[in-house]
Amino acid sequence: MFRLLVDNIPAGTNASKGVGIGSLINLEPSEKVIAATTLERKNNKKYVVFMTKQGLIKKTLLEEYTQTKRSTGIAAIKLKEGDSIANIELMNEEEMIIITKKGMSIRFETKDITAIGRVASGVKTIKLDTDDEVLVGLPIRDKKETIAVFSSFGNAKKTNIDEFPLQMRAGRGVRCCKDEVVGAVTLNDENEILICGNPRSICILGQELPLLKRDTVGNLMIKDSIITSVVKI
């Protein structure tokens, strides 16, 4: 884990290539960045929570990461062989919904997960099929929001949170999409969403997504394009 001030990242345009991350932090020659998150100056979050692609979750006190020099890296998590990080969230003890690439999901409590040290692996969140992996873990901070799911074929939808039953951690979960999922975010109607596709990208409001049942595909958002990633602005 490395710390970096956003002010130290050179500004560019939507068409510029950017600078090598290795020029901003001290990466080893064989090391690459696999995840990034932000820490606001006025922050009330207590934990750093890691989700891994093989379905593990690790909760560690934020102070174990903030008491470091900015340019020098420290060990952040112990990954099992073949595993990697899906995403990272700064949290307190909110409920969480895990979304997988094959369209499965599970909602569970995080307050019962014990906080552990930086160099540890974590505990299981969902029972995965052999060809599946965790795509993202979403903290539920407002139960009036919806869960928006985006598939690689350009389809998207939003679904009410109460359609995701609260379960015990480490179960199989429930289906949330019939297609392969490439992105998922918590959403309200006023949020803007940048949908990045190949070859086209669009920016839409949350209210433009159709509100549909959990086990559906969704409506076409980008014609003749493959969605590659989604960002809530």
Protein backbone atom coordinates (compact mmCIF):
# COMPACT_ATOMS: atom_id res chain seq x y z
CA MET A 1 0.00 0.00 0.00
CA PHE A 2 1.22 3.47 -0.94
CA ARG A 3 -0.13 6.91 -0.04
CA LEU A 4 -0.21 9.69 -2.61
CA LEU A 5 -1.64 13.22 -2.60
CA VAL A 6 -3.95 13.89 -5.55
CA ASP A 7 -2.26 17.31 -5.86
CA ASN A 8 0.91 15.47 -6.92
CA ILE A 9 -0.77 13.84 -9.93
CA PRO A 10 -0.29 16.00 -13.08
CA ALA A 11 -3.54 17.26 -14.63
CA GLY A 12 -4.38 16.03 -18.13
CA THR A 13 -7.22 15.85 -20.63
CA ASN A 14 -9.57 13.01 -21.52
CA ALA A 15 -7.27 12.19 -24.47
CA SER A 16 -3.89 12.46 -22.72
CA LYS A 17 -1.93 9.34 -21.77
CA GLY A 18 -0.92 10.39 -18.25
CA VAL A 19 2.32 9.70 -16.39
CA GLY A 20 3.74 6.43 -15.16
CA ILE A 21 2.66 5.62 -11.58
CA GLY A 22 6.23 4.52 -10.92
CA SER A 23 7.28 8.16 -11.22
CA LEU A 24 4.94 9.11 -8.34
CA ILE A 25 5.49 6.21 -5.89
CA ASN A 26 8.37 3.79 -5.33
CA LEU A 27 7.12 0.69 -7.11
CA GLU A 28 9.33 -2.36 -7.50
CA PRO A 29 10.17 -3.20 -11.16
CA SER A 30 7.81 -6.22 -11.18
CA GLU A 31 5.05 -4.53 -9.17
CA LYS A 32 1.81 -3.12 -10.59
CA VAL A 33 -1.13 -1.23 -9.13
CA ILE A 34 -4.29 -3.36 -8.91
CA ALA A 35 -6.63 -1.14 -6.86
CA ALA A 36 -6.93 2.43 -5.60
CA THR A 37 -9.26 4.29 -3.27
CA THR A 38 -9.55 7.79 -1.84
CA LEU A 39 -9.26 9.14 1.71
CA GLU A 40 -10.90 12.50 2.31
CA ARG A 41 -9.20 14.93 4.67
CA LYS A 42 -12.29 15.04 6.93
CA ASN A 43 -12.92 11.33 7.19
CA ASN A 44 -14.99 9.49 9.81
CA LYS A 45 -14.37 5.96 8.54
CA LYS A 46 -12.85 3.47 10.98
CA TYR A 47 -11.80 0.54 8.78
CA VAL A 48 -10.13 -0.32 5.51
CA VAL A 49 -12.04 -3.26 4.02
CA PHE A 50 -10.51 -5.42 1.28
CA MET A 51 -12.54 -7.70 -1.01
CA THR A 52 -10.63 -10.31 -3.02
CA LYS A 53 -11.60 -12.02 -6.27
CA GLN A 54 -11.63 -15.43 -4.57
CA GLY A 55 -14.31 -14.19 -2.16
CA LEU A 56 -12.40 -13.15 0.97
CA ILE A 57 -13.00 -10.00 3.03
CA LYS A 58 -10.50 -8.39 5.39
CA LYS A 59 -11.33 -5.56 7.82
CA THR A 60 -8.43 -3.62 9.33
CA LEU A 61 -8.31 -0.41 11.37
CA LEU A 62 -7.61 2.56 9.09
CA GLU A 63 -5.00 3.89 11.51
CA GLU A 64 -2.76 0.92 10.65
CA TYR A 65 -2.38 2.39 7.14
CA THR A 66 -2.41 6.14 7.78
CA GLN A 67 0.60 6.09 10.12
CA THR A 68 3.01 5.65 7.20
CA LYS A 69 5.20 7.78 4.97
CA ARG A 70 3.47 8.73 1.72
CA SER A 71 6.06 7.55 -0.82
CA THR A 72 7.18 4.36 0.89
CA GLY A 73 4.99 1.30 0.53
CA ILE A 74 3.94 -1.07 3.31
CA ALA A 75 2.38 -4.54 3.29
CA ALA A 76 -1.41 -4.13 3.02
CA ILE A 77 -2.85 -7.65 2.83
CA LYS A 78 -1.67 -11.26 2.61
CA LEU A 79 -3.09 -12.70 -0.60
CA LYS A 80 -3.47 -16.43 -1.12
CA GLU A 81 -1.86 -17.98 -4.19
CA GLY A 82 -3.84 -17.09 -7.32
CA ASP A 83 -5.94 -14.46 -5.54
CA SER A 84 -6.00 -10.69 -6.13
CA ILE A 85 -7.90 -7.63 -4.90
CA ALA A 86 -11.38 -6.94 -6.30
CA ASN A 87 -11.89 -3.58 -4.57
CA ILE A 88 -11.26 -1.64 -1.37
CA GLU A 89 -13.71 0.41 0.72
CA LEU A 90 -13.31 2.76 3.67
CA MET A 91 -16.13 1.80 6.05
CA ASN A 92 -17.54 1.68 9.54
CA GLU A 93 -19.83 -1.31 10.12
CA GLU A 94 -22.33 -1.05 7.28
CA GLU A 95 -24.00 -4.02 5.63
CA MET A 96 -22.37 -5.09 2.36
CA ILE A 97 -23.49 -6.60 -0.92
CA ILE A 98 -20.98 -8.69 -2.88
CA ILE A 99 -21.48 -8.88 -6.67
CA THR A 100 -19.73 -11.54 -8.77
CA LYS A 101 -18.76 -11.66 -12.44
CA LYS A 102 -21.31 -14.41 -13.17
CA GLY A 103 -24.17 -12.39 -11.71
CA MET A 104 -24.41 -13.81 -8.18
CA SER A 105 -24.74 -11.64 -5.06
CA ILE A 106 -24.86 -11.88 -1.28
CA ARG A 107 -25.83 -9.31 1.38
CA PHE A 108 -24.44 -9.68 4.90
CA GLU A 109 -23.44 -7.82 8.08
CA THR A 110 -19.86 -6.61 8.51
CA LYS A 111 -20.19 -5.70 12.20
CA ASP A 112 -19.61 -9.36 13.12
CA ILE A 113 -16.33 -9.53 11.16
CA THR A 114 -13.37 -9.14 13.51
CA ALA A 115 -10.82 -6.46 12.60
CA ILE A 116 -7.41 -8.03 11.97
CA GLY A 117 -3.89 -6.81 11.22
CA ARG A 118 -2.52 -5.57 7.93
CA VAL A 119 -0.65 -8.75 6.98
CA ALA A 120 -3.57 -11.22 7.11
CA SER A 121 -5.87 -12.89 4.58
CA GLY A 122 -9.43 -12.41 5.81
CA VAL A 123 -12.59 -14.56 5.87
CA LYS A 124 -15.00 -15.90 3.25
CA THR A 125 -17.89 -13.80 1.90
CA ILE A 126 -19.53 -16.00 -0.75
CA LYS A 127 -19.31 -19.54 -2.08
CA LEU A 128 -18.15 -19.19 -5.68
CA ASP A 129 -18.54 -21.49 -8.66
CA THR A 130 -15.22 -22.62 -10.14
CA ASP A 131 -15.45 -20.20 -13.09
CA ASP A 132 -16.69 -17.21 -11.06
CA GLU A 133 -14.98 -14.41 -9.12
CA VAL A 134 -15.94 -11.44 -6.97
CA LEU A 135 -16.25 -8.25 -8.98
CA VAL A 136 -17.02 -5.70 -6.25
CA GLY A 137 -18.19 -5.30 -2.65
CA LEU A 138 -20.65 -2.43 -2.06
CA PRO A 139 -21.27 -0.95 1.42
CA ILE A 140 -24.95 -0.12 2.05
CA ARG A 141 -24.93 3.40 3.52
CA ASP A 142 -28.50 4.38 2.56
CA LYS A 143 -31.17 1.69 2.16
CA LYS A 144 -33.21 4.07 0.00
CA GLU A 145 -30.55 3.76 -2.70
CA THR A 146 -30.59 1.08 -5.39
CA ILE A 147 -28.01 -1.39 -6.67
CA ALA A 148 -27.13 -0.68 -10.30
CA VAL A 149 -25.67 -3.58 -12.28
CA PHE A 150 -24.01 -3.33 -15.72
CA SER A 151 -23.32 -6.22 -18.12
CA SER A 152 -20.62 -6.51 -20.78
CA PHE A 153 -23.23 -6.52 -23.58
CA GLY A 154 -24.19 -2.89 -22.87
CA ASN A 155 -27.21 -3.58 -20.64
CA ALA A 156 -27.90 -2.02 -17.23
CA LYS A 157 -30.59 -1.80 -14.55
CA LYS A 158 -31.10 -0.74 -10.95
CA THR A 159 -32.77 -2.84 -8.27
CA ASN A 160 -34.13 -1.97 -4.82
CA ILE A 161 -31.85 -3.05 -1.97
CA ASP A 162 -34.65 -4.91 -0.20
CA GLU A 163 -34.67 -7.43 -3.09
CA PHE A 164 -31.29 -8.62 -1.80
CA PRO A 165 -32.10 -10.73 1.31
CA LEU A 166 -29.84 -10.33 4.35
CA GLN A 167 -27.99 -13.65 4.71
CA MET A 168 -25.22 -15.29 6.67
CA ARG A 169 -21.79 -14.69 5.19
CA ALA A 170 -20.15 -17.48 3.09
CA GLY A 171 -23.35 -18.78 1.45
CA ARG A 172 -24.07 -19.10 -2.28
CA GLY A 173 -26.18 -15.95 -2.36
CA VAL A 174 -28.83 -15.06 -4.96
CA ARG A 175 -28.71 -14.18 -8.65
CA CYS A 176 -28.65 -10.48 -9.52
CA CYS A 177 -28.08 -10.60 -13.30
CA LYS A 178 -28.45 -13.17 -16.09
CA ASP A 179 -25.47 -11.80 -18.08
CA GLU A 180 -21.79 -11.43 -17.26
CA VAL A 181 -21.37 -8.42 -14.95
CA VAL A 182 -18.65 -5.80 -15.50
CA GLY A 183 -19.68 -3.16 -12.96
CA ALA A 184 -22.01 -2.41 -10.04
CA VAL A 185 -22.58 0.67 -7.87
CA THR A 186 -24.96 1.92 -5.18
CA LEU A 187 -27.07 4.65 -6.68
CA ASN A 188 -29.66 7.37 -6.17
CA ASP A 189 -31.50 9.18 -8.96
CA GLU A 190 -29.31 12.29 -8.72
CA ASN A 191 -26.00 10.45 -9.10
CA GLU A 192 -24.18 10.69 -12.42
CA ILE A 193 -22.67 7.51 -13.85
CA LEU A 194 -19.83 7.33 -16.35
CA ILE A 195 -20.27 4.14 -18.38
CA CYS A 196 -17.00 3.38 -20.18
CA GLY A 197 -17.36 1.19 -23.26
CA ASN A 198 -15.51 0.05 -26.35
CA PRO A 199 -15.75 1.97 -28.62
CA ARG A 200 -18.26 4.37 -26.97
CA SER A 201 -18.75 5.83 -23.49
CA ILE A 202 -21.67 7.80 -22.04
CA CYS A 203 -22.53 9.74 -18.88
CA ILE A 204 -26.09 9.43 -17.55
CA LEU A 205 -28.14 10.23 -14.45
CA GLY A 206 -29.21 7.47 -12.08
CA GLN A 207 -32.87 8.22 -12.85
CA GLU A 208 -32.29 7.15 -16.48
CA LEU A 209 -31.63 3.53 -15.49
CA PRO A 210 -34.69 1.26 -15.46
CA LEU A 211 -35.85 -0.01 -12.05
CA LEU A 212 -36.18 -3.78 -12.52
CA LYS A 213 -36.32 -6.99 -10.54
CA ARG A 214 -33.10 -8.56 -9.28
CA ASP A 215 -32.92 -11.57 -11.63
CA THR A 216 -33.20 -9.68 -14.94
CA VAL A 217 -30.81 -8.53 -17.66
CA GLY A 218 -31.63 -4.81 -17.90
CA ASN A 219 -32.06 -2.38 -20.79
CA LEU A 220 -29.54 -1.49 -23.48
CA MET A 221 -27.51 1.59 -22.49
CA ILE A 222 -24.82 1.69 -25.18
CA LYS A 223 -25.56 0.41 -28.68
CA ASP A 224 -22.85 -1.57 -30.51
CA SER A 225 -20.44 -1.22 -27.58
CA ILE A 226 -19.04 -3.49 -24.87
CA ILE A 227 -19.12 -1.96 -21.38
CA THR A 228 -15.68 -2.24 -19.75
CA SER A 229 -16.11 -0.31 -16.48
CA VAL A 230 -18.48 1.97 -14.56
CA VAL A 231 -17.77 4.94 -12.28
CA LYS A 232 -20.25 6.80 -10.05
CA ILE A 233 -19.38 10.50 -10.18
